[in-house]
Amino acid sequence: MEGILSFVLVVVIVVLGILYCFWGYRYLRISILIYAFVTGFLFVNGLLTEAAPEFEAAWLVALAAGIVLALLSFFFIKFCIFIAGGMAGLLIFNIVRDLNPAFFAGKETIYVFLIGLIFFVVAGALTLAAKKHLLIIFSAIFGSYSMVYAAGILIGLVINPDVLRTTTLAEPFATLAPNSVFSSAPSWALILPVVVFSIAGIITQYRFTSRKK
């Protein structure tokens, strides 16, 4: 059951990635609401599962955290913009962490969390200051990366569906990522489509948000 839910989650990320990449600024509240819920749920659930594996109600706490984050992002537009930039900051943090595995391997979970939080806060503050232009750029890049990354996992699952049997909701992407078609491919295979879709997303968003529109 958890494997099926994880598969559905990956599909949702692909769809949200498309929405965020090409219409992230125009439909900011809706896209951020869903992204904030998914991000909040996964982050808190993964953190609690790792820190307190015996805590059976971790998913309920994570669900509540996701709902609170989603509501805050929907009803408070400045908070919404801050979250949008913050998620782009987390994307940058994940790239930095992937490029420096040796540095983060010996760090305790709390220190990795604090470093990620710094990236989140700084990127969120910068986006809040620059508003539209950074929002369009960040949303296009973040949406493009989410879409391509999750699509690679989906293609991998089509090739090897048995992986879903060992997948848990605690860390779905950590379990599924090695099965992605990009895991054994050169780095440019992931970077190239992300760059192409990011540029297309930026152009599309500026066209949809021009004064004539």
C-alpha atoms as a PDB file:
ATOM      1  CA  MET A   1       0.000   0.000   0.000  1.00  0.00           C
ATOM      2  CA  GLU A   2       2.809   2.421   0.896  1.00  0.00           C
ATOM      3  CA  GLY A   3       4.470   1.646  -2.422  1.00  0.00           C
ATOM      4  CA  ILE A   4       1.317   2.602  -4.328  1.00  0.00           C
ATOM      5  CA  LEU A   5       0.970   5.815  -2.334  1.00  0.00           C
ATOM      6  CA  SER A   6       4.607   6.620  -3.034  1.00  0.00           C
ATOM      7  CA  PHE A   7       3.980   6.073  -6.753  1.00  0.00           C
ATOM      8  CA  VAL A   8       0.977   8.420  -6.630  1.00  0.00           C
ATOM      9  CA  LEU A   9       3.127  10.971  -4.793  1.00  0.00           C
ATOM     10  CA  VAL A  10       5.737  10.886  -7.570  1.00  0.00           C
ATOM     11  CA  VAL A  11       3.006  11.409 -10.189  1.00  0.00           C
ATOM     12  CA  VAL A  12       1.692  14.375  -8.182  1.00  0.00           C
ATOM     13  CA  ILE A  13       5.201  15.872  -8.068  1.00  0.00           C
ATOM     14  CA  VAL A  14       5.470  15.600 -11.876  1.00  0.00           C
ATOM     15  CA  VAL A  15       2.127  17.372 -12.334  1.00  0.00           C
ATOM     16  CA  LEU A  16       2.993  20.050  -9.777  1.00  0.00           C
ATOM     17  CA  GLY A  17       6.382  20.499 -11.409  1.00  0.00           C
ATOM     18  CA  ILE A  18       4.708  21.251 -14.742  1.00  0.00           C
ATOM     19  CA  LEU A  19       2.282  23.681 -13.085  1.00  0.00           C
ATOM     20  CA  TYR A  20       5.008  25.406 -11.105  1.00  0.00           C
ATOM     21  CA  CYS A  21       7.427  25.595 -14.041  1.00  0.00           C
ATOM     22  CA  PHE A  22       5.058  27.192 -16.556  1.00  0.00           C
ATOM     23  CA  TRP A  23       2.427  28.913 -14.386  1.00  0.00           C
ATOM     24  CA  GLY A  24       4.144  29.207 -10.996  1.00  0.00           C
ATOM     25  CA  TYR A  25       3.724  32.971 -10.620  1.00  0.00           C
ATOM     26  CA  ARG A  26       0.240  33.252 -12.089  1.00  0.00           C
ATOM     27  CA  TYR A  27      -1.238  30.480  -9.925  1.00  0.00           C
ATOM     28  CA  LEU A  28       1.100  31.078  -7.021  1.00  0.00           C
ATOM     29  CA  ARG A  29      -1.313  30.497  -4.159  1.00  0.00           C
ATOM     30  CA  ILE A  30      -2.690  27.199  -5.451  1.00  0.00           C
ATOM     31  CA  SER A  31       0.635  25.712  -6.515  1.00  0.00           C
ATOM     32  CA  ILE A  32       2.403  26.783  -3.313  1.00  0.00           C
ATOM     33  CA  LEU A  33      -0.463  25.497  -1.151  1.00  0.00           C
ATOM     34  CA  ILE A  34      -0.077  21.997  -2.584  1.00  0.00           C
ATOM     35  CA  TYR A  35       3.715  22.122  -2.624  1.00  0.00           C
ATOM     36  CA  ALA A  36       3.815  23.447   0.949  1.00  0.00           C
ATOM     37  CA  PHE A  37       1.596  20.615   2.152  1.00  0.00           C
ATOM     38  CA  VAL A  38       3.624  17.902   0.386  1.00  0.00           C
ATOM     39  CA  THR A  39       6.964  19.420   1.467  1.00  0.00           C
ATOM     40  CA  GLY A  40       5.851  19.918   5.078  1.00  0.00           C
ATOM     41  CA  PHE A  41       4.418  16.405   5.346  1.00  0.00           C
ATOM     42  CA  LEU A  42       7.445  14.659   3.835  1.00  0.00           C
ATOM     43  CA  PHE A  43       9.982  16.727   5.764  1.00  0.00           C
ATOM     44  CA  VAL A  44       8.372  16.315   9.197  1.00  0.00           C
ATOM     45  CA  ASN A  45       7.465  12.671   8.601  1.00  0.00           C
ATOM     46  CA  GLY A  46      11.008  11.821   7.523  1.00  0.00           C
ATOM     47  CA  LEU A  47      12.530  13.747  10.421  1.00  0.00           C
ATOM     48  CA  LEU A  48      10.300  12.096  13.041  1.00  0.00           C
ATOM     49  CA  THR A  49      10.743   8.637  11.529  1.00  0.00           C
ATOM     50  CA  GLU A  50      14.517   9.016  11.712  1.00  0.00           C
ATOM     51  CA  ALA A  51      14.646  10.651  15.149  1.00  0.00           C
ATOM     52  CA  ALA A  52      11.899   8.591  16.833  1.00  0.00           C
ATOM     53  CA  PRO A  53      11.177   5.404  14.825  1.00  0.00           C
ATOM     54  CA  GLU A  54       9.015   4.032  17.641  1.00  0.00           C
ATOM     55  CA  PHE A  55       6.600   6.972  17.440  1.00  0.00           C
ATOM     56  CA  GLU A  56       3.640   5.454  15.556  1.00  0.00           C
ATOM     57  CA  ALA A  57       1.694   8.705  15.182  1.00  0.00           C
ATOM     58  CA  ALA A  58       4.490  10.419  13.251  1.00  0.00           C
ATOM     59  CA  TRP A  59       2.401  10.564  10.086  1.00  0.00           C
ATOM     60  CA  LEU A  60      -0.404  12.365  11.969  1.00  0.00           C
ATOM     61  CA  VAL A  61       1.987  15.032  13.243  1.00  0.00           C
ATOM     62  CA  ALA A  62       3.432  15.338   9.732  1.00  0.00           C
ATOM     63  CA  LEU A  63      -0.074  15.642   8.279  1.00  0.00           C
ATOM     64  CA  ALA A  64      -0.910  18.438  10.720  1.00  0.00           C
ATOM     65  CA  ALA A  65       2.368  20.214   9.919  1.00  0.00           C
ATOM     66  CA  GLY A  66       1.642  19.970   6.195  1.00  0.00           C
ATOM     67  CA  ILE A  67      -1.868  21.375   6.616  1.00  0.00           C
ATOM     68  CA  VAL A  68      -0.659  24.286   8.793  1.00  0.00           C
ATOM     69  CA  LEU A  69       2.105  25.158   6.318  1.00  0.00           C
ATOM     70  CA  ALA A  70      -0.327  24.948   3.390  1.00  0.00           C
ATOM     71  CA  LEU A  71      -2.915  27.204   5.073  1.00  0.00           C
ATOM     72  CA  LEU A  72      -0.289  29.767   6.048  1.00  0.00           C
ATOM     73  CA  SER A  73       1.062  29.882   2.502  1.00  0.00           C
ATOM     74  CA  PHE A  74      -2.443  30.277   1.035  1.00  0.00           C
ATOM     75  CA  PHE A  75      -3.856  32.998   3.272  1.00  0.00           C
ATOM     76  CA  PHE A  76      -0.726  35.085   3.777  1.00  0.00           C
ATOM     77  CA  ILE A  77       0.652  36.150   0.410  1.00  0.00           C
ATOM     78  CA  LYS A  78       4.006  37.382   1.743  1.00  0.00           C
ATOM     79  CA  PHE A  79       4.464  34.103   3.575  1.00  0.00           C
ATOM     80  CA  CYS A  80       3.474  32.378   0.352  1.00  0.00           C
ATOM     81  CA  ILE A  81       6.210  34.232  -1.557  1.00  0.00           C
ATOM     82  CA  PHE A  82       8.695  33.430   1.213  1.00  0.00           C
ATOM     83  CA  ILE A  83       7.827  29.715   0.974  1.00  0.00           C
ATOM     84  CA  ALA A  84       8.213  29.803  -2.816  1.00  0.00           C
ATOM     85  CA  GLY A  85      11.742  31.179  -2.552  1.00  0.00           C
ATOM     86  CA  GLY A  86      12.517  28.919   0.390  1.00  0.00           C
ATOM     87  CA  MET A  87      11.698  25.807  -1.616  1.00  0.00           C
ATOM     88  CA  ALA A  88      14.055  26.997  -4.328  1.00  0.00           C
ATOM     89  CA  GLY A  89      16.642  27.400  -1.572  1.00  0.00           C
ATOM     90  CA  LEU A  90      16.089  23.784  -0.535  1.00  0.00           C
ATOM     91  CA  LEU A  91      16.619  22.751  -4.150  1.00  0.00           C
ATOM     92  CA  ILE A  92      19.961  24.581  -4.169  1.00  0.00           C
ATOM     93  CA  PHE A  93      20.830  22.972  -0.825  1.00  0.00           C
ATOM     94  CA  ASN A  94      20.091  19.495  -2.185  1.00  0.00           C
ATOM     95  CA  ILE A  95      22.321  20.161  -5.194  1.00  0.00           C
ATOM     96  CA  VAL A  96      25.131  21.378  -2.905  1.00  0.00           C
ATOM     97  CA  ARG A  97      24.700  18.313  -0.684  1.00  0.00           C
ATOM     98  CA  ASP A  98      24.803  15.963  -3.685  1.00  0.00           C
ATOM     99  CA  LEU A  99      27.984  17.629  -4.942  1.00  0.00           C
ATOM    100  CA  ASN A 100      29.661  17.350  -1.508  1.00  0.00           C
ATOM    101  CA  PRO A 101      28.608  13.953  -0.093  1.00  0.00           C
ATOM    102  CA  ALA A 102      31.810  13.556   1.958  1.00  0.00           C
ATOM    103  CA  PHE A 103      31.215  16.839   3.830  1.00  0.00           C
ATOM    104  CA  PHE A 104      27.629  15.967   4.819  1.00  0.00           C
ATOM    105  CA  ALA A 105      28.226  12.250   5.476  1.00  0.00           C
ATOM    106  CA  GLY A 106      29.759  12.861   8.895  1.00  0.00           C
ATOM    107  CA  LYS A 107      27.290  15.533   9.994  1.00  0.00           C
ATOM    108  CA  GLU A 108      24.530  14.828  12.494  1.00  0.00           C
ATOM    109  CA  THR A 109      20.930  15.155  11.310  1.00  0.00           C
ATOM    110  CA  ILE A 110      20.337  18.337  13.300  1.00  0.00           C
ATOM    111  CA  TYR A 111      23.291  20.127  11.669  1.00  0.00           C
ATOM    112  CA  VAL A 112      22.189  19.111   8.169  1.00  0.00           C
ATOM    113  CA  PHE A 113      18.704  20.383   9.050  1.00  0.00           C
ATOM    114  CA  LEU A 114      20.071  23.736  10.247  1.00  0.00           C
ATOM    115  CA  ILE A 115      22.175  24.203   7.094  1.00  0.00           C
ATOM    116  CA  GLY A 116      19.119  23.419   4.954  1.00  0.00           C
ATOM    117  CA  LEU A 117      17.084  25.855   7.051  1.00  0.00           C
ATOM    118  CA  ILE A 118      19.635  28.617   6.390  1.00  0.00           C
ATOM    119  CA  PHE A 119      19.354  28.022   2.627  1.00  0.00           C
ATOM    120  CA  PHE A 120      15.554  28.095   2.966  1.00  0.00           C
ATOM    121  CA  VAL A 121      15.430  31.347   4.954  1.00  0.00           C
ATOM    122  CA  VAL A 122      18.006  33.229   2.835  1.00  0.00           C
ATOM    123  CA  ALA A 123      16.410  32.232  -0.489  1.00  0.00           C
ATOM    124  CA  GLY A 124      12.952  33.043   0.891  1.00  0.00           C
ATOM    125  CA  ALA A 125      14.050  36.484   2.072  1.00  0.00           C
ATOM    126  CA  LEU A 126      15.694  37.281  -1.273  1.00  0.00           C
ATOM    127  CA  THR A 127      12.580  36.206  -3.160  1.00  0.00           C
ATOM    128  CA  LEU A 128      10.368  38.298  -0.905  1.00  0.00           C
ATOM    129  CA  ALA A 129      12.564  41.318  -1.622  1.00  0.00           C
ATOM    130  CA  ALA A 130      12.693  40.851  -5.409  1.00  0.00           C
ATOM    131  CA  LYS A 131       9.162  39.439  -5.768  1.00  0.00           C
ATOM    132  CA  LYS A 132       8.009  38.871  -9.356  1.00  0.00           C
ATOM    133  CA  HIS A 133      11.287  38.391 -11.236  1.00  0.00           C
ATOM    134  CA  LEU A 134      12.929  36.046  -8.740  1.00  0.00           C
ATOM    135  CA  LEU A 135       9.628  34.249  -8.247  1.00  0.00           C
ATOM    136  CA  ILE A 136       9.340  33.522 -11.951  1.00  0.00           C
ATOM    137  CA  ILE A 137      12.962  32.394 -12.192  1.00  0.00           C
ATOM    138  CA  PHE A 138      12.878  30.303  -9.015  1.00  0.00           C
ATOM    139  CA  SER A 139       9.522  28.713  -9.801  1.00  0.00           C
ATOM    140  CA  ALA A 140      10.612  27.812 -13.345  1.00  0.00           C
ATOM    141  CA  ILE A 141      13.854  26.232 -12.119  1.00  0.00           C
ATOM    142  CA  PHE A 142      12.275  24.471  -9.146  1.00  0.00           C
ATOM    143  CA  GLY A 143       9.319  23.238 -11.199  1.00  0.00           C
ATOM    144  CA  SER A 144      11.577  22.068 -14.009  1.00  0.00           C
ATOM    145  CA  TYR A 145      13.844  20.159 -11.641  1.00  0.00           C
ATOM    146  CA  SER A 146      10.898  18.589  -9.793  1.00  0.00           C
ATOM    147  CA  MET A 147       9.256  17.555 -13.053  1.00  0.00           C
ATOM    148  CA  VAL A 148      12.391  16.044 -14.638  1.00  0.00           C
ATOM    149  CA  TYR A 149      13.633  14.413 -11.431  1.00  0.00           C
ATOM    150  CA  ALA A 150      10.266  12.785 -10.660  1.00  0.00           C
ATOM    151  CA  ALA A 151       9.794  11.782 -14.315  1.00  0.00           C
ATOM    152  CA  GLY A 152      13.131   9.954 -14.161  1.00  0.00           C
ATOM    153  CA  ILE A 153      11.859   8.013 -11.138  1.00  0.00           C
ATOM    154  CA  LEU A 154       8.591   7.167 -12.909  1.00  0.00           C
ATOM    155  CA  ILE A 155      10.428   5.842 -15.956  1.00  0.00           C
ATOM    156  CA  GLY A 156      12.605   3.767 -13.635  1.00  0.00           C
ATOM    157  CA  LEU A 157       9.507   2.352 -11.943  1.00  0.00           C
ATOM    158  CA  VAL A 158       8.033   1.355 -15.304  1.00  0.00           C
ATOM    159  CA  ILE A 159      11.233  -0.551 -16.025  1.00  0.00           C
ATOM    160  CA  ASN A 160      11.527  -2.032 -12.529  1.00  0.00           C
ATOM    161  CA  PRO A 161       8.142  -1.924 -10.711  1.00  0.00           C
ATOM    162  CA  ASP A 162       9.255  -4.391  -8.000  1.00  0.00           C
ATOM    163  CA  VAL A 163      10.991  -1.520  -6.183  1.00  0.00           C
ATOM    164  CA  LEU A 164       7.591  -0.336  -4.920  1.00  0.00           C
ATOM    165  CA  ARG A 165       7.363  -3.365  -2.640  1.00  0.00           C
ATOM    166  CA  THR A 166      10.173  -2.031  -0.453  1.00  0.00           C
ATOM    167  CA  THR A 167       9.203   1.647  -0.630  1.00  0.00           C
ATOM    168  CA  THR A 168       7.914   3.430   2.486  1.00  0.00           C
ATOM    169  CA  LEU A 169       6.283   6.813   2.965  1.00  0.00           C
ATOM    170  CA  ALA A 170       8.917   7.730   5.538  1.00  0.00           C
ATOM    171  CA  GLU A 171      11.537   8.357   2.844  1.00  0.00           C
ATOM    172  CA  PRO A 172       9.945   7.612  -0.541  1.00  0.00           C
ATOM    173  CA  PHE A 173      12.395   9.552  -2.675  1.00  0.00           C
ATOM    174  CA  ALA A 174      15.433   8.178  -0.850  1.00  0.00           C
ATOM    175  CA  THR A 175      14.189   4.681  -1.678  1.00  0.00           C
ATOM    176  CA  LEU A 176      13.112   5.417  -5.243  1.00  0.00           C
ATOM    177  CA  ALA A 177      15.940   7.747  -6.322  1.00  0.00           C
ATOM    178  CA  PRO A 178      18.460   4.923  -6.997  1.00  0.00           C
ATOM    179  CA  ASN A 179      15.891   3.422  -9.375  1.00  0.00           C
ATOM    180  CA  SER A 180      15.699   6.626 -11.443  1.00  0.00           C
ATOM    181  CA  VAL A 181      16.976   6.498 -15.020  1.00  0.00           C
ATOM    182  CA  PHE A 182      19.224   9.428 -14.089  1.00  0.00           C
ATOM    183  CA  SER A 183      20.987   7.567 -11.258  1.00  0.00           C
ATOM    184  CA  SER A 184      23.275   5.689 -13.655  1.00  0.00           C
ATOM    185  CA  ALA A 185      23.389   8.398 -16.337  1.00  0.00           C
ATOM    186  CA  PRO A 186      25.954  11.218 -16.621  1.00  0.00           C
ATOM    187  CA  SER A 187      25.080  14.421 -14.769  1.00  0.00           C
ATOM    188  CA  TRP A 188      24.372  16.362 -17.976  1.00  0.00           C
ATOM    189  CA  ALA A 189      21.493  13.957 -18.747  1.00  0.00           C
ATOM    190  CA  LEU A 190      19.582  15.511 -15.832  1.00  0.00           C
ATOM    191  CA  ILE A 191      20.953  19.050 -16.069  1.00  0.00           C
ATOM    192  CA  LEU A 192      20.246  19.535 -19.794  1.00  0.00           C
ATOM    193  CA  PRO A 193      16.443  18.951 -19.706  1.00  0.00           C
ATOM    194  CA  VAL A 194      16.197  20.963 -16.476  1.00  0.00           C
ATOM    195  CA  VAL A 195      17.906  23.929 -18.153  1.00  0.00           C
ATOM    196  CA  VAL A 196      15.748  23.621 -21.299  1.00  0.00           C
ATOM    197  CA  PHE A 197      12.472  23.430 -19.356  1.00  0.00           C
ATOM    198  CA  SER A 198      13.582  26.219 -16.992  1.00  0.00           C
ATOM    199  CA  ILE A 199      14.191  28.596 -19.905  1.00  0.00           C
ATOM    200  CA  ALA A 200      10.884  27.589 -21.509  1.00  0.00           C
ATOM    201  CA  GLY A 201       9.116  28.112 -18.179  1.00  0.00           C
ATOM    202  CA  ILE A 202      10.631  31.561 -17.637  1.00  0.00           C
ATOM    203  CA  ILE A 203       9.638  32.691 -21.137  1.00  0.00           C
ATOM    204  CA  THR A 204       6.110  31.276 -20.752  1.00  0.00           C
ATOM    205  CA  GLN A 205       5.583  32.885 -17.350  1.00  0.00           C
ATOM    206  CA  TYR A 206       6.700  36.318 -18.546  1.00  0.00           C
ATOM    207  CA  ARG A 207       4.329  36.029 -21.500  1.00  0.00           C
ATOM    208  CA  PHE A 208       1.405  35.055 -19.260  1.00  0.00           C
ATOM    209  CA  THR A 209       2.120  37.827 -16.757  1.00  0.00           C
ATOM    210  CA  SER A 210       2.826  40.670 -19.166  1.00  0.00           C
ATOM    211  CA  ARG A 211       0.836  43.897 -18.812  1.00  0.00           C
ATOM    212  CA  LYS A 212      -1.193  43.030 -21.912  1.00  0.00           C
ATOM    213  CA  LYS A 213      -2.336  39.818 -20.178  1.00  0.00           C
END
